[in-house]
All heavy atoms as atom14 arrays in JSON, in Angstrom:
{
  "sequence": "LEKARADITKHIPELSPGLAVIDWEEWLPLFDRNLDAKEFYRNLSFNY",
  "atom14_mask": [
    [1, 1, 1, 1, 1, 1, 1, 1, 0, 0, 0, 0, 0, 0],
    [1, 1, 1, 1, 1, 1, 1, 1, 1, 0, 0, 0, 0, 0],
    [1, 1, 1, 1, 1, 1, 1, 1, 1, 0, 0, 0, 0, 0],
    [1, 1, 1, 1, 1, 0, 0, 0, 0, 0, 0, 0, 0, 0],
    [1, 1, 1, 1, 1, 1, 1, 1, 1, 1, 1, 0, 0, 0],
    [1, 1, 1, 1, 1, 0, 0, 0, 0, 0, 0, 0, 0, 0],
    [1, 1, 1, 1, 1, 1, 1, 1, 0, 0, 0, 0, 0, 0],
    [1, 1, 1, 1, 1, 1, 1, 1, 0, 0, 0, 0, 0, 0],
    [1, 1, 1, 1, 1, 1, 1, 0, 0, 0, 0, 0, 0, 0],
    [1, 1, 1, 1, 1, 1, 1, 1, 1, 0, 0, 0, 0, 0],
    [1, 1, 1, 1, 1, 1, 1, 1, 1, 1, 0, 0, 0, 0],
    [1, 1, 1, 1, 1, 1, 1, 1, 0, 0, 0, 0, 0, 0],
    [1, 1, 1, 1, 1, 1, 1, 0, 0, 0, 0, 0, 0, 0],
    [1, 1, 1, 1, 1, 1, 1, 1, 1, 0, 0, 0, 0, 0],
    [1, 1, 1, 1, 1, 1, 1, 1, 0, 0, 0, 0, 0, 0],
    [1, 1, 1, 1, 1, 1, 0, 0, 0, 0, 0, 0, 0, 0],
    [1, 1, 1, 1, 1, 1, 1, 0, 0, 0, 0, 0, 0, 0],
    [1, 1, 1, 1, 0, 0, 0, 0, 0, 0, 0, 0, 0, 0],
    [1, 1, 1, 1, 1, 1, 1, 1, 0, 0, 0, 0, 0, 0],
    [1, 1, 1, 1, 1, 0, 0, 0, 0, 0, 0, 0, 0, 0],
    [1, 1, 1, 1, 1, 1, 1, 0, 0, 0, 0, 0, 0, 0],
    [1, 1, 1, 1, 1, 1, 1, 1, 0, 0, 0, 0, 0, 0],
    [1, 1, 1, 1, 1, 1, 1, 1, 0, 0, 0, 0, 0, 0],
    [1, 1, 1, 1, 1, 1, 1, 1, 1, 1, 1, 1, 1, 1],
    [1, 1, 1, 1, 1, 1, 1, 1, 1, 0, 0, 0, 0, 0],
    [1, 1, 1, 1, 1, 1, 1, 1, 1, 0, 0, 0, 0, 0],
    [1, 1, 1, 1, 1, 1, 1, 1, 1, 1, 1, 1, 1, 1],
    [1, 1, 1, 1, 1, 1, 1, 1, 0, 0, 0, 0, 0, 0],
    [1, 1, 1, 1, 1, 1, 1, 0, 0, 0, 0, 0, 0, 0],
    [1, 1, 1, 1, 1, 1, 1, 1, 0, 0, 0, 0, 0, 0],
    [1, 1, 1, 1, 1, 1, 1, 1, 1, 1, 1, 0, 0, 0],
    [1, 1, 1, 1, 1, 1, 1, 1, 0, 0, 0, 0, 0, 0],
    [1, 1, 1, 1, 1, 1, 1, 1, 1, 1, 1, 0, 0, 0],
    [1, 1, 1, 1, 1, 1, 1, 1, 0, 0, 0, 0, 0, 0],
    [1, 1, 1, 1, 1, 1, 1, 1, 0, 0, 0, 0, 0, 0],
    [1, 1, 1, 1, 1, 1, 1, 1, 0, 0, 0, 0, 0, 0],
    [1, 1, 1, 1, 1, 0, 0, 0, 0, 0, 0, 0, 0, 0],
    [1, 1, 1, 1, 1, 1, 1, 1, 1, 0, 0, 0, 0, 0],
    [1, 1, 1, 1, 1, 1, 1, 1, 1, 0, 0, 0, 0, 0],
    [1, 1, 1, 1, 1, 1, 1, 1, 1, 1, 1, 0, 0, 0],
    [1, 1, 1, 1, 1, 1, 1, 1, 1, 1, 1, 1, 0, 0],
    [1, 1, 1, 1, 1, 1, 1, 1, 1, 1, 1, 0, 0, 0],
    [1, 1, 1, 1, 1, 1, 1, 1, 0, 0, 0, 0, 0, 0],
    [1, 1, 1, 1, 1, 1, 1, 1, 0, 0, 0, 0, 0, 0],
    [1, 1, 1, 1, 1, 1, 0, 0, 0, 0, 0, 0, 0, 0],
    [1, 1, 1, 1, 1, 1, 1, 1, 1, 1, 1, 0, 0, 0],
    [1, 1, 1, 1, 1, 1, 1, 1, 0, 0, 0, 0, 0, 0],
    [1, 1, 1, 1, 1, 1, 1, 1, 1, 1, 1, 1, 0, 0]
  ],
  "atom14_positions": [
    [[0.82, -1.21, 0.0], [0.0, 0.0, 0.0], [0.86, 1.26, 0.0], [0.49, 2.27, -0.62], [-0.95, -0.02, 1.2], [-2.02, -1.12, 1.16], [-2.8, -1.13, 2.48], [-2.97, -0.92, -0.02], [0.0, 0.0, 0.0], [0.0, 0.0, 0.0], [0.0, 0.0, 0.0], [0.0, 0.0, 0.0], [0.0, 0.0, 0.0], [0.0, 0.0, 0.0]],
    [[2.0, 1.2, 0.65], [2.9, 2.35, 0.65], [3.39, 2.65, -0.77], [3.41, 3.8, -1.22], [4.07, 2.11, 1.58], [3.71, 2.13, 3.06], [4.9, 1.82, 3.96], [6.0, 1.55, 3.42], [4.74, 1.85, 5.19], [0.0, 0.0, 0.0], [0.0, 0.0, 0.0], [0.0, 0.0, 0.0], [0.0, 0.0, 0.0], [0.0, 0.0, 0.0]],
    [[3.8, 1.59, -1.47], [4.26, 1.79, -2.85], [3.1, 2.15, -3.76], [3.26, 2.96, -4.68], [4.96, 0.54, -3.37], [5.57, 0.74, -4.76], [6.34, -0.47, -5.23], [7.01, -0.2, -6.57], [6.03, 0.09, -7.64], [0.0, 0.0, 0.0], [0.0, 0.0, 0.0], [0.0, 0.0, 0.0], [0.0, 0.0, 0.0], [0.0, 0.0, 0.0]],
    [[1.93, 1.54, -3.53], [0.77, 1.83, -4.37], [0.4, 3.31, -4.29], [0.02, 3.92, -5.31], [-0.41, 0.96, -3.95], [0.0, 0.0, 0.0], [0.0, 0.0, 0.0], [0.0, 0.0, 0.0], [0.0, 0.0, 0.0], [0.0, 0.0, 0.0], [0.0, 0.0, 0.0], [0.0, 0.0, 0.0], [0.0, 0.0, 0.0], [0.0, 0.0, 0.0]],
    [[0.5, 3.89, -3.13], [0.19, 5.32, -2.98], [1.11, 6.17, -3.86], [0.66, 7.09, -4.54], [0.3, 5.75, -1.52], [-0.05, 7.22, -1.29], [0.01, 7.59, 0.18], [-1.14, 7.05, 0.91], [-1.09, 6.0, 1.72], [0.07, 5.37, 1.92], [-2.15, 5.57, 2.35], [0.0, 0.0, 0.0], [0.0, 0.0, 0.0], [0.0, 0.0, 0.0]],
    [[2.39, 5.85, -3.85], [3.34, 6.59, -4.69], [3.07, 6.34, -6.17], [3.17, 7.27, -6.99], [4.76, 6.17, -4.33], [0.0, 0.0, 0.0], [0.0, 0.0, 0.0], [0.0, 0.0, 0.0], [0.0, 0.0, 0.0], [0.0, 0.0, 0.0], [0.0, 0.0, 0.0], [0.0, 0.0, 0.0], [0.0, 0.0, 0.0], [0.0, 0.0, 0.0]],
    [[2.71, 5.11, -6.53], [2.42, 4.79, -7.93], [1.19, 5.53, -8.43], [1.15, 6.01, -9.57], [2.22, 3.28, -8.09], [3.51, 2.5, -7.89], [4.59, 3.08, -8.12], [3.42, 1.32, -7.51], [0.0, 0.0, 0.0], [0.0, 0.0, 0.0], [0.0, 0.0, 0.0], [0.0, 0.0, 0.0], [0.0, 0.0, 0.0], [0.0, 0.0, 0.0]],
    [[0.18, 5.62, -7.59], [-1.04, 6.34, -7.97], [-0.74, 7.82, -8.19], [-1.19, 8.43, -9.17], [-2.13, 6.15, -6.9], [-2.62, 4.69, -6.9], [-3.3, 7.11, -7.13], [-3.49, 4.33, -5.72], [0.0, 0.0, 0.0], [0.0, 0.0, 0.0], [0.0, 0.0, 0.0], [0.0, 0.0, 0.0], [0.0, 0.0, 0.0], [0.0, 0.0, 0.0]],
    [[0.04, 8.4, -7.31], [0.42, 9.8, -7.46], [1.22, 10.03, -8.74], [1.04, 11.04, -9.43], [1.26, 10.26, -6.25], [0.48, 10.09, -5.06], [1.66, 11.72, -6.38], [0.0, 0.0, 0.0], [0.0, 0.0, 0.0], [0.0, 0.0, 0.0], [0.0, 0.0, 0.0], [0.0, 0.0, 0.0], [0.0, 0.0, 0.0], [0.0, 0.0, 0.0]],
    [[2.07, 9.07, -9.09], [2.89, 9.18, -10.29], [2.05, 9.1, -11.56], [2.24, 9.9, -12.49], [3.94, 8.07, -10.29], [4.77, 7.99, -11.57], [5.72, 6.8, -11.52], [6.47, 6.64, -12.83], [7.38, 5.47, -12.8], [0.0, 0.0, 0.0], [0.0, 0.0, 0.0], [0.0, 0.0, 0.0], [0.0, 0.0, 0.0], [0.0, 0.0, 0.0]],
    [[1.13, 8.15, -11.63], [0.39, 7.92, -12.85], [-0.86, 8.78, -12.98], [-1.34, 9.02, -14.09], [0.0, 6.44, -12.95], [1.16, 5.53, -13.24], [1.84, 4.86, -12.24], [1.78, 5.2, -14.4], [2.81, 4.14, -12.79], [2.79, 4.34, -14.09], [0.0, 0.0, 0.0], [0.0, 0.0, 0.0], [0.0, 0.0, 0.0], [0.0, 0.0, 0.0]],
    [[-1.41, 9.22, -11.84], [-2.6, 10.09, -11.88], [-2.28, 11.34, -11.06], [-2.77, 11.5, -9.94], [-3.84, 9.37, -11.33], [-3.99, 7.97, -11.93], [-5.1, 10.18, -11.62], [-5.17, 7.17, -11.4], [0.0, 0.0, 0.0], [0.0, 0.0, 0.0], [0.0, 0.0, 0.0], [0.0, 0.0, 0.0], [0.0, 0.0, 0.0], [0.0, 0.0, 0.0]],
    [[-1.48, 12.24, -11.61], [-1.06, 13.41, -10.82], [-2.16, 14.44, -10.62], [-2.11, 15.2, -9.65], [0.1, 13.98, -11.65], [-0.16, 13.52, -13.03], [-0.8, 12.17, -12.91], [0.0, 0.0, 0.0], [0.0, 0.0, 0.0], [0.0, 0.0, 0.0], [0.0, 0.0, 0.0], [0.0, 0.0, 0.0], [0.0, 0.0, 0.0], [0.0, 0.0, 0.0]],
    [[-3.13, 14.48, -11.51], [-4.14, 15.53, -11.43], [-5.44, 15.0, -10.83], [-5.81, 13.83, -11.0], [-4.41, 16.12, -12.81], [-3.22, 16.87, -13.39], [-3.57, 17.58, -14.68], [-4.76, 17.55, -15.08], [-2.67, 18.17, -15.29], [0.0, 0.0, 0.0], [0.0, 0.0, 0.0], [0.0, 0.0, 0.0], [0.0, 0.0, 0.0], [0.0, 0.0, 0.0]],
    [[-6.15, 15.88, -10.16], [-7.43, 15.51, -9.52], [-8.58, 15.8, -10.48], [-9.41, 16.68, -10.25], [-7.6, 16.3, -8.21], [-6.52, 16.07, -7.15], [-6.76, 16.99, -5.95], [-6.51, 14.61, -6.71], [0.0, 0.0, 0.0], [0.0, 0.0, 0.0], [0.0, 0.0, 0.0], [0.0, 0.0, 0.0], [0.0, 0.0, 0.0], [0.0, 0.0, 0.0]],
    [[-8.62, 15.05, -11.57], [-9.66, 15.22, -12.58], [-10.38, 13.89, -12.79], [-9.85, 12.84, -12.45], [-9.05, 15.71, -13.89], [-8.05, 14.82, -14.33], [0.0, 0.0, 0.0], [0.0, 0.0, 0.0], [0.0, 0.0, 0.0], [0.0, 0.0, 0.0], [0.0, 0.0, 0.0], [0.0, 0.0, 0.0], [0.0, 0.0, 0.0], [0.0, 0.0, 0.0]],
    [[-11.58, 13.89, -13.37], [-12.31, 12.64, -13.57], [-11.61, 11.7, -14.54], [-10.93, 12.15, -15.47], [-13.66, 13.11, -14.12], [-13.77, 14.54, -13.74], [-12.37, 15.07, -13.76], [0.0, 0.0, 0.0], [0.0, 0.0, 0.0], [0.0, 0.0, 0.0], [0.0, 0.0, 0.0], [0.0, 0.0, 0.0], [0.0, 0.0, 0.0], [0.0, 0.0, 0.0]],
    [[-11.79, 10.43, -14.34], [-11.22, 9.45, -15.24], [-11.55, 8.04, -14.8], [-12.39, 7.82, -13.91], [0.0, 0.0, 0.0], [0.0, 0.0, 0.0], [0.0, 0.0, 0.0], [0.0, 0.0, 0.0], [0.0, 0.0, 0.0], [0.0, 0.0, 0.0], [0.0, 0.0, 0.0], [0.0, 0.0, 0.0], [0.0, 0.0, 0.0], [0.0, 0.0, 0.0]],
    [[-10.88, 7.09, -15.41], [-11.13, 5.68, -15.15], [-9.81, 5.01, -14.81], [-8.82, 5.13, -15.55], [-11.75, 5.04, -16.39], [-12.38, 3.66, -16.27], [-13.54, 3.67, -15.29], [-12.87, 3.18, -17.64], [0.0, 0.0, 0.0], [0.0, 0.0, 0.0], [0.0, 0.0, 0.0], [0.0, 0.0, 0.0], [0.0, 0.0, 0.0], [0.0, 0.0, 0.0]],
    [[-9.75, 4.3, -13.67], [-8.55, 3.6, -13.24], [-8.84, 2.1, -13.25], [-9.74, 1.63, -12.54], [-8.13, 4.05, -11.84], [0.0, 0.0, 0.0], [0.0, 0.0, 0.0], [0.0, 0.0, 0.0], [0.0, 0.0, 0.0], [0.0, 0.0, 0.0], [0.0, 0.0, 0.0], [0.0, 0.0, 0.0], [0.0, 0.0, 0.0], [0.0, 0.0, 0.0]],
    [[-8.06, 1.37, -14.04], [-8.28, -0.06, -14.23], [-7.07, -0.83, -13.71], [-5.94, -0.6, -14.14], [-8.48, -0.38, -15.73], [-8.71, -1.88, -15.92], [-9.63, 0.44, -16.3], [0.0, 0.0, 0.0], [0.0, 0.0, 0.0], [0.0, 0.0, 0.0], [0.0, 0.0, 0.0], [0.0, 0.0, 0.0], [0.0, 0.0, 0.0], [0.0, 0.0, 0.0]],
    [[-7.3, -1.74, -12.76], [-6.24, -2.59, -12.22], [-6.33, -3.95, -12.9], [-7.36, -4.62, -12.84], [-6.36, -2.73, -10.69], [-6.35, -1.35, -10.02], [-5.23, -3.6, -10.15], [-6.62, -1.4, -8.53], [0.0, 0.0, 0.0], [0.0, 0.0, 0.0], [0.0, 0.0, 0.0], [0.0, 0.0, 0.0], [0.0, 0.0, 0.0], [0.0, 0.0, 0.0]],
    [[-5.26, -4.33, -13.55], [-5.23, -5.58, -14.31], [-4.3, -6.58, -13.64], [-3.12, -6.65, -13.94], [-4.78, -5.29, -15.75], [-4.87, -6.52, -16.64], [-5.4, -7.55, -16.18], [-4.41, -6.45, -17.8], [0.0, 0.0, 0.0], [0.0, 0.0, 0.0], [0.0, 0.0, 0.0], [0.0, 0.0, 0.0], [0.0, 0.0, 0.0], [0.0, 0.0, 0.0]],
    [[-4.86, -7.37, -12.7], [-4.13, -8.44, -12.02], [-4.76, -9.77, -12.44], [-5.86, -10.1, -12.01], [-4.25, -8.3, -10.5], [-3.51, -7.15, -9.9], [-2.66, -6.28, -10.52], [-3.54, -6.75, -8.52], [-2.17, -5.37, -9.63], [-2.69, -5.64, -8.39], [-4.2, -7.23, -7.39], [-2.49, -4.99, -7.17], [-4.0, -6.59, -6.18], [-3.15, -5.48, -6.06]],
    [[-4.08, -10.52, -13.26], [-4.67, -11.73, -13.81], [-4.0, -13.02, -13.38], [-4.39, -14.09, -13.82], [-4.67, -11.64, -15.35], [-5.46, -10.46, -15.9], [-5.47, -10.44, -17.42], [-5.71, -11.51, -18.02], [-5.25, -9.37, -18.01], [0.0, 0.0, 0.0], [0.0, 0.0, 0.0], [0.0, 0.0, 0.0], [0.0, 0.0, 0.0], [0.0, 0.0, 0.0]],
    [[-2.97, -12.94, -12.52], [-2.23, -14.15, -12.16], [-3.05, -15.11, -11.31], [-3.0, -16.32, -11.49], [-0.92, -13.78, -11.45], [0.26, -13.54, -12.37], [0.03, -12.43, -13.37], [-0.74, -11.49, -13.06], [0.6, -12.48, -14.46], [0.0, 0.0, 0.0], [0.0, 0.0, 0.0], [0.0, 0.0, 0.0], [0.0, 0.0, 0.0], [0.0, 0.0, 0.0]],
    [[-3.79, -14.58, -10.35], [-4.66, -15.42, -9.53], [-6.02, -14.75, -9.36], [-6.18, -13.56, -9.61], [-4.04, -15.73, -8.16], [-3.39, -14.56, -7.45], [-2.06, -14.29, -7.37], [-4.06, -13.52, -6.69], [-1.84, -13.14, -6.62], [-3.05, -12.66, -6.2], [-5.39, -13.24, -6.39], [-3.34, -11.52, -5.42], [-5.68, -12.11, -5.62], [-4.66, -11.27, -5.15]],
    [[-6.99, -15.54, -8.96], [-8.34, -15.05, -8.73], [-8.66, -15.11, -7.24], [-8.17, -15.99, -6.53], [-9.35, -15.9, -9.52], [-9.18, -15.83, -11.05], [-10.03, -16.88, -11.73], [-9.54, -14.44, -11.56], [0.0, 0.0, 0.0], [0.0, 0.0, 0.0], [0.0, 0.0, 0.0], [0.0, 0.0, 0.0], [0.0, 0.0, 0.0], [0.0, 0.0, 0.0]],
    [[-9.46, -14.19, -6.73], [-9.66, -14.09, -5.28], [-10.45, -15.24, -4.67], [-10.37, -15.47, -3.48], [-10.39, -12.76, -5.11], [-11.08, -12.53, -6.43], [-10.16, -13.09, -7.45], [0.0, 0.0, 0.0], [0.0, 0.0, 0.0], [0.0, 0.0, 0.0], [0.0, 0.0, 0.0], [0.0, 0.0, 0.0], [0.0, 0.0, 0.0], [0.0, 0.0, 0.0]],
    [[-11.24, -15.94, -5.47], [-11.94, -17.13, -4.98], [-11.06, -18.35, -5.23], [-10.72, -18.66, -6.38], [-13.3, -17.29, -5.67], [-14.35, -16.22, -5.32], [-15.64, -16.47, -6.09], [-14.62, -16.19, -3.82], [0.0, 0.0, 0.0], [0.0, 0.0, 0.0], [0.0, 0.0, 0.0], [0.0, 0.0, 0.0], [0.0, 0.0, 0.0], [0.0, 0.0, 0.0]],
    [[-10.71, -19.03, -4.18], [-9.76, -20.15, -4.24], [-10.14, -21.17, -5.29], [-9.31, -21.63, -6.08], [-9.7, -20.79, -2.85], [-8.59, -21.78, -2.67], [-7.28, -21.36, -2.52], [-8.85, -23.14, -2.63], [-6.25, -22.28, -2.35], [-7.84, -24.06, -2.46], [-6.53, -23.62, -2.3], [0.0, 0.0, 0.0], [0.0, 0.0, 0.0], [0.0, 0.0, 0.0]],
    [[-11.43, -21.54, -5.33], [-11.88, -22.6, -6.22], [-11.89, -22.18, -7.68], [-12.04, -23.03, -8.57], [-13.27, -23.07, -5.82], [-13.29, -23.75, -4.45], [-12.22, -24.24, -4.03], [-14.35, -23.77, -3.8], [0.0, 0.0, 0.0], [0.0, 0.0, 0.0], [0.0, 0.0, 0.0], [0.0, 0.0, 0.0], [0.0, 0.0, 0.0], [0.0, 0.0, 0.0]],
    [[-11.78, -20.89, -7.96], [-11.73, -20.41, -9.34], [-10.34, -20.55, -9.96], [-10.17, -20.39, -11.17], [-12.15, -18.94, -9.4], [-13.64, -18.7, -9.48], [-14.18, -19.14, -10.8], [-15.59, -18.79, -10.97], [-16.4, -19.43, -11.8], [-15.94, -20.47, -12.49], [-17.64, -19.06, -11.92], [0.0, 0.0, 0.0], [0.0, 0.0, 0.0], [0.0, 0.0, 0.0]],
    [[-9.35, -20.83, -9.17], [-7.99, -20.95, -9.68], [-7.78, -22.35, -10.25], [-7.3, -23.26, -9.57], [-6.99, -20.64, -8.57], [-6.99, -19.17, -8.2], [-6.43, -18.34, -8.92], [-7.65, -18.83, -7.11], [0.0, 0.0, 0.0], [0.0, 0.0, 0.0], [0.0, 0.0, 0.0], [0.0, 0.0, 0.0], [0.0, 0.0, 0.0], [0.0, 0.0, 0.0]],
    [[-8.13, -22.5, -11.52], [-8.08, -23.79, -12.2], [-7.04, -23.74, -13.31], [-6.47, -22.69, -13.61], [-9.46, -24.12, -12.78], [-10.62, -24.15, -11.78], [-11.94, -24.31, -12.5], [-10.41, -25.26, -10.76], [0.0, 0.0, 0.0], [0.0, 0.0, 0.0], [0.0, 0.0, 0.0], [0.0, 0.0, 0.0], [0.0, 0.0, 0.0], [0.0, 0.0, 0.0]],
    [[-6.8, -24.87, -13.93], [-5.85, -25.0, -15.03], [-4.49, -24.45, -14.58], [-3.99, -24.87, -13.55], [-6.39, -24.3, -16.28], [-7.73, -24.87, -16.72], [-7.9, -26.1, -16.63], [-8.61, -24.09, -17.13], [0.0, 0.0, 0.0], [0.0, 0.0, 0.0], [0.0, 0.0, 0.0], [0.0, 0.0, 0.0], [0.0, 0.0, 0.0], [0.0, 0.0, 0.0]],
    [[-3.91, -23.52, -15.32], [-2.58, -23.01, -14.95], [-2.6, -22.34, -13.58], [-1.61, -22.41, -12.83], [-2.09, -22.03, -16.01], [0.0, 0.0, 0.0], [0.0, 0.0, 0.0], [0.0, 0.0, 0.0], [0.0, 0.0, 0.0], [0.0, 0.0, 0.0], [0.0, 0.0, 0.0], [0.0, 0.0, 0.0], [0.0, 0.0, 0.0], [0.0, 0.0, 0.0]],
    [[-3.72, -21.71, -13.24], [-3.81, -21.01, -11.95], [-3.89, -21.95, -10.76], [-3.78, -21.52, -9.61], [-5.03, -20.07, -11.95], [-4.87, -18.86, -12.86], [-6.09, -17.97, -12.75], [-5.9, -16.67, -13.53], [-5.73, -16.89, -14.97], [0.0, 0.0, 0.0], [0.0, 0.0, 0.0], [0.0, 0.0, 0.0], [0.0, 0.0, 0.0], [0.0, 0.0, 0.0]],
    [[-4.07, -23.25, -11.01], [-4.1, -24.21, -9.9], [-2.75, -24.24, -9.17], [-2.67, -24.68, -8.02], [-4.45, -25.6, -10.43], [-4.78, -26.6, -9.34], [-5.39, -27.88, -9.87], [-5.62, -27.97, -11.1], [-5.66, -28.79, -9.07], [0.0, 0.0, 0.0], [0.0, 0.0, 0.0], [0.0, 0.0, 0.0], [0.0, 0.0, 0.0], [0.0, 0.0, 0.0]],
    [[-1.74, -23.72, -9.82], [-0.42, -23.59, -9.21], [-0.51, -22.85, -7.87], [0.17, -23.2, -6.9], [0.5, -22.85, -10.18], [1.9, -22.65, -9.69], [2.85, -23.64, -9.82], [2.27, -21.45, -9.11], [4.15, -23.44, -9.38], [3.56, -21.24, -8.66], [4.5, -22.24, -8.8], [0.0, 0.0, 0.0], [0.0, 0.0, 0.0], [0.0, 0.0, 0.0]],
    [[-1.39, -21.84, -7.82], [-1.53, -21.04, -6.59], [-2.21, -21.84, -5.49], [-1.94, -21.63, -4.31], [-2.28, -19.74, -6.89], [-1.42, -18.75, -7.63], [-1.51, -18.63, -9.01], [-0.51, -17.95, -6.96], [-0.7, -17.73, -9.7], [0.3, -17.05, -7.64], [0.2, -16.95, -9.01], [1.0, -16.07, -9.68], [0.0, 0.0, 0.0], [0.0, 0.0, 0.0]],
    [[-3.08, -22.75, -5.85], [-3.69, -23.61, -4.85], [-2.65, -24.54, -4.25], [-2.6, -24.76, -3.04], [-4.85, -24.39, -5.47], [-5.99, -23.5, -5.95], [-7.0, -24.26, -6.78], [-7.7, -25.28, -6.03], [-8.67, -26.04, -6.54], [-9.03, -25.89, -7.81], [-9.26, -26.94, -5.79], [0.0, 0.0, 0.0], [0.0, 0.0, 0.0], [0.0, 0.0, 0.0]],
    [[-1.79, -25.06, -5.12], [-0.74, -25.95, -4.63], [0.25, -25.21, -3.72], [0.68, -25.74, -2.7], [-0.01, -26.59, -5.81], [-0.9, -27.53, -6.6], [-1.83, -28.12, -6.06], [-0.63, -27.65, -7.9], [0.0, 0.0, 0.0], [0.0, 0.0, 0.0], [0.0, 0.0, 0.0], [0.0, 0.0, 0.0], [0.0, 0.0, 0.0], [0.0, 0.0, 0.0]],
    [[0.58, -23.98, -4.11], [1.44, -23.17, -3.25], [0.8, -22.97, -1.88], [1.47, -23.05, -0.84], [1.72, -21.81, -3.88], [2.72, -21.75, -5.04], [2.77, -20.33, -5.61], [4.1, -22.18, -4.58], [0.0, 0.0, 0.0], [0.0, 0.0, 0.0], [0.0, 0.0, 0.0], [0.0, 0.0, 0.0], [0.0, 0.0, 0.0], [0.0, 0.0, 0.0]],
    [[-0.5, -22.74, -1.88], [-1.22, -22.52, -0.63], [-1.28, -23.78, 0.21], [-1.14, -23.73, 1.44], [-2.64, -22.03, -0.93], [-2.62, -20.78, -1.59], [0.0, 0.0, 0.0], [0.0, 0.0, 0.0], [0.0, 0.0, 0.0], [0.0, 0.0, 0.0], [0.0, 0.0, 0.0], [0.0, 0.0, 0.0], [0.0, 0.0, 0.0], [0.0, 0.0, 0.0]],
    [[-1.47, -24.93, -0.43], [-1.48, -26.2, 0.31], [-0.13, -26.42, 1.0], [-0.05, -26.73, 2.2], [-1.78, -27.37, -0.63], [-3.17, -27.39, -1.19], [-3.4, -27.82, -2.49], [-4.25, -26.99, -0.42], [-4.69, -27.85, -3.01], [-5.55, -27.02, -0.93], [-5.75, -27.44, -2.23], [0.0, 0.0, 0.0], [0.0, 0.0, 0.0], [0.0, 0.0, 0.0]],
    [[0.95, -26.26, 0.23], [2.29, -26.49, 0.79], [2.59, -25.5, 1.91], [3.19, -25.87, 2.94], [3.33, -26.36, -0.32], [3.22, -27.46, -1.35], [2.71, -28.54, -1.06], [3.69, -27.19, -2.56], [0.0, 0.0, 0.0], [0.0, 0.0, 0.0], [0.0, 0.0, 0.0], [0.0, 0.0, 0.0], [0.0, 0.0, 0.0], [0.0, 0.0, 0.0]],
    [[2.19, -24.28, 1.72], [2.43, -23.24, 2.73], [1.7, -23.59, 4.03], [2.24, -23.47, 5.14], [1.96, -21.9, 2.18], [2.14, -20.73, 3.11], [3.41, -20.22, 3.38], [1.04, -20.11, 3.7], [3.58, -19.12, 4.21], [1.2, -19.03, 4.55], [2.47, -18.52, 4.79], [2.62, -17.44, 5.62], [0.0, 0.0, 0.0], [0.0, 0.0, 0.0]]
  ]
}
């Protein structure tokens, strides 16, 4: 969150209307949705 605050200030310096899109596709927030290649994250979680 500390770095994210600096990144937001860098990329959106002005206080004007717009659209901010976060594109995180490596894993999905629902555990059971992580299938196929993303099942790797379930295995990491099991081992952890």
